[in-house]
C-alpha cells in the first residue's frame, strides 16, 4: 500500500497552521507545517511534499518567491487578495488560490485536485548548507 502523500503547510500564522494540520490529517494525508519559507526549505533538504498549501504574504520570503524555487503543485492562501496578486498567481500555474477564511471542504478539494493532477513530488533539494535566500 502506498503511503499517503505529504502535504506541506507554510503560513506565518500559527492558528492557520494548526487548523490546516487538523483538516489535512483528518482527510488521511500526512502533513507537515512550517512558520516560514526558510523553515520549509530546510526541511525539504531531506523531506518530500506532494503539494504545498502556501501563504502568499510572509516575512523574509513570500509564497510567490518560494514557488519560483519549486516544482510541486501549490495551493495559495491569502487574506490580501487583490488583482495584481491574482494575476501573478494565474500566470504562475498554481493549482488554486483561496481567500482566507475558507472552509475545510474547499481547501481539501483544492489539495485533492492538485495531488491528482500531477505526480510531481518535491523531494530533497540538497544539503541544508545549500539552502539560502536568492
Protein backbone atom coordinates (compact mmCIF):
# COMPACT_ATOMS: atom_id res chain seq x y z
CA UNK A 1 0.00 0.00 0.00
CA UNK A 2 1.34 3.44 -0.92
CA UNK A 3 1.95 5.94 1.84
CA UNK A 4 -0.39 8.91 1.95
CA UNK A 5 1.01 11.98 0.18
CA UNK A 6 2.71 14.58 2.35
CA UNK A 7 1.04 17.98 2.27
CA UNK A 8 3.30 20.81 3.41
CA UNK A 9 1.67 23.83 5.00
CA UNK A 10 3.63 27.09 5.07
CA UNK A 11 2.00 30.03 6.86
CA UNK A 12 3.36 32.50 9.40
CA UNK A 13 0.08 32.42 11.37
CA UNK A 14 0.22 29.65 14.00
CA UNK A 15 -3.57 29.31 14.22
CA UNK A 16 -3.84 28.78 10.45
CA UNK A 17 -1.09 26.14 10.60
CA UNK A 18 -2.81 24.28 13.46
CA UNK A 19 -6.20 24.36 11.75
CA UNK A 20 -4.84 23.20 8.41
CA UNK A 21 -2.83 20.40 10.02
CA UNK A 22 -6.00 19.09 11.67
CA UNK A 23 -8.05 19.32 8.47
CA UNK A 24 -5.40 17.78 6.21
CA UNK A 25 -4.60 14.93 8.60
CA UNK A 26 -8.30 14.19 9.16
CA UNK A 27 -8.59 13.63 5.40
CA UNK A 28 -5.93 10.91 5.55
CA UNK A 29 -2.92 12.86 4.31
CA UNK A 30 0.39 13.14 6.07
CA UNK A 31 1.11 16.78 6.84
CA UNK A 32 4.00 18.96 7.94
CA UNK A 33 3.66 22.62 8.91
CA UNK A 34 6.20 25.44 8.77
CA UNK A 35 6.18 29.04 10.02
CA UNK A 36 8.35 30.32 7.16
CA UNK A 37 9.60 29.58 3.68
CA UNK A 38 13.11 29.14 5.10
CA UNK A 39 11.90 26.51 7.61
CA UNK A 40 10.20 24.63 4.77
CA UNK A 41 13.32 24.77 2.60
CA UNK A 42 15.44 23.46 5.48
CA UNK A 43 13.03 20.54 5.93
CA UNK A 44 13.00 19.97 2.17
CA UNK A 45 16.70 19.14 2.26
CA UNK A 46 15.54 15.72 3.46
CA UNK A 47 11.73 15.77 3.16
CA UNK A 48 9.21 15.24 0.37
CA UNK A 49 5.98 17.09 -0.39
CA UNK A 50 3.26 16.16 -2.89
CA UNK A 51 1.53 19.53 -2.50
CA UNK A 52 2.10 22.82 -0.72
CA UNK A 53 -0.56 24.94 0.96
CA UNK A 54 1.27 28.24 0.92
CA UNK A 55 0.51 31.68 2.30
CA UNK A 56 1.13 34.41 -0.26
CA UNK A 57 2.41 37.09 2.12
CA UNK A 58 5.05 36.15 4.68
CA UNK A 59 8.09 37.86 6.13
CA UNK A 60 11.54 37.30 4.62
CA UNK A 61 10.40 35.26 1.60
CA UNK A 62 6.90 35.47 0.14
CA UNK A 63 4.95 32.47 -1.03
CA UNK A 64 5.35 33.68 -4.60
CA UNK A 65 9.13 33.86 -4.20
CA UNK A 66 9.19 30.36 -2.73
CA UNK A 67 7.08 28.99 -5.58
CA UNK A 68 9.75 30.08 -8.09
CA UNK A 69 12.15 27.58 -6.48
CA UNK A 70 9.80 24.58 -6.56
CA UNK A 71 8.11 22.16 -8.94
CA UNK A 72 5.42 20.86 -6.57
CA UNK A 73 1.72 21.80 -7.01
CA UNK A 74 0.79 24.79 -4.84
CA UNK A 75 -2.49 25.87 -3.29
CA UNK A 76 -2.01 29.51 -2.39
CA UNK A 77 -3.91 31.00 0.54
CA UNK A 78 -4.18 34.70 1.33
CA UNK A 79 -6.04 37.28 3.36
CA UNK A 80 -4.82 40.02 0.99
CA UNK A 81 -6.40 39.10 -2.31
CA UNK A 82 -6.04 41.78 -4.97
CA UNK A 83 -5.93 41.94 -8.76
CA UNK A 84 -2.11 42.03 -9.17
CA UNK A 85 -1.67 39.05 -6.83
CA UNK A 86 -4.41 37.07 -8.62
CA UNK A 87 -2.83 37.83 -12.00
CA UNK A 88 0.62 36.76 -10.85
CA UNK A 89 -0.73 33.54 -9.35
CA UNK A 90 -2.73 32.74 -12.50
CA UNK A 91 0.43 33.14 -14.60
CA UNK A 92 2.43 31.02 -12.16
CA UNK A 93 0.46 27.84 -12.81
CA UNK A 94 -0.57 27.40 -9.18
CA UNK A 95 -3.20 24.74 -8.51
CA UNK A 96 -5.51 27.16 -6.66
CA UNK A 97 -5.86 30.47 -4.84
CA UNK A 98 -8.07 30.50 -1.74
CA UNK A 99 -9.04 33.64 0.15
CA UNK A 100 -8.94 33.40 3.95
CA UNK A 101 -11.13 32.44 5.65
CA UNK A 102 -12.04 29.29 3.73
CA UNK A 103 -13.75 26.13 4.89
CA UNK A 104 -12.27 22.65 5.23
CA UNK A 105 -14.10 21.25 2.21
CA UNK A 106 -12.74 24.00 -0.04
CA UNK A 107 -9.10 23.50 0.91
CA UNK A 108 -9.37 19.70 0.79
CA UNK A 109 -10.93 19.87 -2.67
CA UNK A 110 -8.07 22.09 -3.87
CA UNK A 111 -5.49 19.71 -2.37
CA UNK A 112 -7.16 16.64 -3.93
CA UNK A 113 -7.18 18.29 -7.36
CA UNK A 114 -3.55 19.40 -7.01
CA UNK A 115 -2.34 15.96 -5.92
CA UNK A 116 -4.36 14.10 -8.57
CA UNK A 117 -3.34 16.39 -11.44
CA UNK A 118 0.31 15.51 -11.31
CA UNK A 119 2.77 13.04 -9.97
CA UNK A 120 5.28 15.70 -9.00
CA UNK A 121 6.86 15.06 -5.62
CA UNK A 122 9.11 17.87 -4.48
CA UNK A 123 11.87 15.92 -2.82
CA UNK A 124 15.20 16.72 -1.26
CA UNK A 125 16.91 19.69 -2.81
CA UNK A 126 20.31 19.18 -1.25
CA UNK A 127 22.23 19.64 1.96
CA UNK A 128 20.97 22.18 4.49
CA UNK A 129 24.08 24.28 3.84
CA UNK A 130 22.88 24.78 0.25
CA UNK A 131 19.53 26.24 1.34
CA UNK A 132 19.63 30.01 1.18
CA UNK A 133 17.94 33.14 0.05
CA UNK A 134 18.21 34.21 -3.56
